[in-house]
């Protein structure tokens, strides 16, 4: 059985960005799921942030794994931050060790496409030595509290 490809987009990416790729997956008979992140396109304050994006990914990932299917997660750009948090405990080894009622599914691979990969307990800004990259604009007084602490840990 082919694994399900779970796509976690980068910031500002609507599902249509991945339509061509998903079409190729369908043609090759790979099931795929695109997670529409709550933080993309939001205009209502307070804006959603990392916690809501992680919950959205986990809500898509959980039923696939519970069905005993293998999952390859493809994450792009800031989707790597979301992925790094969302897949915890869903890897195939953990699913087996924790005795998930004989379920054989789990995350078997993660593909980071120009994405941020965060080690456990680390923030993006922390990995950068506390200094944003030149192209990053961090305006703490304009970033909602949940985004500030979830992504940047300001």
Protein backbone atom coordinates (compact mmCIF):
# COMPACT_ATOMS: atom_id res chain seq x y z
CA UNK A 1 0.00 0.00 0.00
CA UNK A 2 1.35 3.42 -0.93
CA UNK A 3 1.76 5.98 1.84
CA UNK A 4 -0.49 9.00 2.12
CA UNK A 5 1.30 12.25 1.33
CA UNK A 6 0.37 14.97 3.83
CA UNK A 7 1.27 18.46 2.61
CA UNK A 8 1.92 21.28 5.07
CA UNK A 9 2.26 24.55 3.14
CA UNK A 10 4.32 27.59 3.93
CA UNK A 11 2.92 30.88 5.15
CA UNK A 12 0.53 32.64 2.78
CA UNK A 13 0.06 29.53 0.61
CA UNK A 14 -3.46 28.60 -0.36
CA UNK A 15 -4.25 24.97 -1.32
CA UNK A 16 -4.25 25.83 -5.04
CA UNK A 17 -0.46 26.28 -4.92
CA UNK A 18 -0.14 22.51 -4.50
CA UNK A 19 -2.76 21.44 -7.06
CA UNK A 20 -0.20 20.55 -9.75
CA UNK A 21 1.84 18.43 -7.35
CA UNK A 22 -1.27 16.74 -6.00
CA UNK A 23 -2.35 16.00 -9.56
CA UNK A 24 0.94 14.18 -10.16
CA UNK A 25 0.48 12.22 -6.93
CA UNK A 26 -3.04 11.22 -7.96
CA UNK A 27 -1.78 10.10 -11.36
CA UNK A 28 0.83 7.94 -9.61
CA UNK A 29 -1.92 6.60 -7.30
CA UNK A 30 -0.62 8.19 -4.11
CA UNK A 31 -3.35 9.49 -1.82
CA UNK A 32 -2.66 13.03 -0.64
CA UNK A 33 -4.03 15.55 1.82
CA UNK A 34 -3.33 19.28 1.85
CA UNK A 35 -3.71 20.93 5.23
CA UNK A 36 -5.18 24.42 4.98
CA UNK A 37 -3.49 26.22 7.86
CA UNK A 38 -5.76 28.45 9.97
CA UNK A 39 -3.04 31.13 10.08
CA UNK A 40 -3.13 31.61 6.30
CA UNK A 41 -5.33 34.46 5.15
CA UNK A 42 -6.64 35.42 8.55
CA UNK A 43 -7.98 38.94 9.00
CA UNK A 44 -9.79 38.69 12.32
CA UNK A 45 -7.88 39.67 15.46
CA UNK A 46 -6.45 38.01 17.35
CA UNK A 47 -4.84 36.15 14.47
CA UNK A 48 -4.30 32.43 14.80
CA UNK A 49 -0.79 31.16 15.20
CA UNK A 50 1.42 28.14 15.59
CA UNK A 51 -0.79 26.32 18.10
CA UNK A 52 -3.81 26.41 15.79
CA UNK A 53 -1.73 25.35 12.77
CA UNK A 54 -0.27 22.41 14.72
CA UNK A 55 -3.77 21.36 15.83
CA UNK A 56 -5.00 21.50 12.21
CA UNK A 57 -2.18 19.23 11.03
CA UNK A 58 -2.72 16.79 13.89
CA UNK A 59 -6.46 16.67 13.14
CA UNK A 60 -5.65 15.51 9.59
CA UNK A 61 -2.79 13.22 10.59
CA UNK A 62 -4.53 11.36 13.42
CA UNK A 63 -7.27 9.61 11.41
CA UNK A 64 -4.81 8.55 8.70
CA UNK A 65 -2.49 6.96 11.26
CA UNK A 66 -5.41 5.43 13.17
CA UNK A 67 -6.49 3.78 9.90
CA UNK A 68 -3.12 2.01 9.92
CA UNK A 69 -1.69 3.94 7.00
CA UNK A 70 1.86 5.15 6.54
CA UNK A 71 2.34 8.88 6.03
CA UNK A 72 5.01 10.90 4.28
CA UNK A 73 4.81 14.53 5.39
CA UNK A 74 5.94 17.17 2.90
CA UNK A 75 6.40 20.58 4.46
CA UNK A 76 7.40 23.82 2.79
CA UNK A 77 9.03 26.92 4.26
CA UNK A 78 7.38 27.88 7.57
CA UNK A 79 5.38 24.67 7.28
CA UNK A 80 8.55 23.05 8.63
CA UNK A 81 8.03 24.81 11.96
CA UNK A 82 4.45 23.52 12.06
CA UNK A 83 5.56 20.03 11.03
CA UNK A 84 8.32 19.90 13.64
CA UNK A 85 5.67 20.36 16.31
CA UNK A 86 2.74 18.48 14.79
CA UNK A 87 4.30 15.08 14.06
CA UNK A 88 5.53 14.42 17.59
CA UNK A 89 4.27 11.03 18.71
CA UNK A 90 2.95 10.09 15.27
CA UNK A 91 6.11 8.37 14.04
CA UNK A 92 5.67 4.70 13.24
CA UNK A 93 8.01 3.50 16.00
CA UNK A 94 6.19 5.45 18.73
CA UNK A 95 2.83 4.24 17.45
CA UNK A 96 3.98 0.63 17.82
CA UNK A 97 5.78 1.06 21.16
CA UNK A 98 2.84 2.78 22.81
CA UNK A 99 0.58 -0.13 21.86
CA UNK A 100 -1.87 1.73 19.68
CA UNK A 101 -4.23 -1.28 19.51
CA UNK A 102 -2.24 -3.03 16.83
CA UNK A 103 -2.31 -0.12 14.43
CA UNK A 104 0.53 -0.30 11.96
CA UNK A 105 0.44 3.24 10.59
CA UNK A 106 2.55 6.26 11.34
CA UNK A 107 4.79 8.91 9.89
CA UNK A 108 7.57 7.14 8.00
CA UNK A 109 9.28 10.13 6.35
CA UNK A 110 9.35 13.90 6.51
CA UNK A 111 10.43 15.89 3.47
CA UNK A 112 11.50 19.46 4.21
CA UNK A 113 11.22 21.56 1.03
CA UNK A 114 13.13 24.81 1.66
CA UNK A 115 11.71 24.53 5.16
CA UNK A 116 12.73 25.29 8.72
CA UNK A 117 13.55 22.15 10.72
CA UNK A 118 13.45 22.77 14.46
CA UNK A 119 14.90 20.47 17.09
CA UNK A 120 12.68 19.74 20.07
CA UNK A 121 12.46 22.68 22.48
CA UNK A 122 13.94 25.18 20.04
CA UNK A 123 12.30 28.22 18.46
CA UNK A 124 13.08 29.60 15.03
CA UNK A 125 14.53 32.79 16.45
CA UNK A 126 16.53 30.79 18.99
CA UNK A 127 18.12 28.78 16.20
CA UNK A 128 19.15 32.06 14.60
CA UNK A 129 21.03 33.13 17.73
CA UNK A 130 18.24 35.49 18.78
CA UNK A 131 18.63 37.64 15.67
CA UNK A 132 16.23 37.51 12.72
CA UNK A 133 17.67 37.11 9.24
CA UNK A 134 18.01 40.35 7.23
CA UNK A 135 14.82 39.67 5.24
CA UNK A 136 12.74 39.01 8.37
CA UNK A 137 10.78 41.91 9.80
CA UNK A 138 9.83 41.34 13.43
CA UNK A 139 7.58 43.99 14.93
CA UNK A 140 6.73 42.62 18.36
CA UNK A 141 4.10 45.25 19.09
CA UNK A 142 2.20 44.18 15.93
CA UNK A 143 2.51 40.41 16.30
CA UNK A 144 -0.33 38.75 18.23
CA UNK A 145 0.80 37.26 21.52
CA UNK A 146 0.11 33.66 20.42
CA UNK A 147 2.18 34.03 17.25
CA UNK A 148 4.97 35.81 19.09
CA UNK A 149 5.35 33.07 21.67
CA UNK A 150 4.58 30.17 19.38
CA UNK A 151 6.84 30.96 16.44
CA UNK A 152 9.34 33.49 17.69
CA UNK A 153 9.29 33.16 21.49
CA UNK A 154 9.90 36.91 21.60
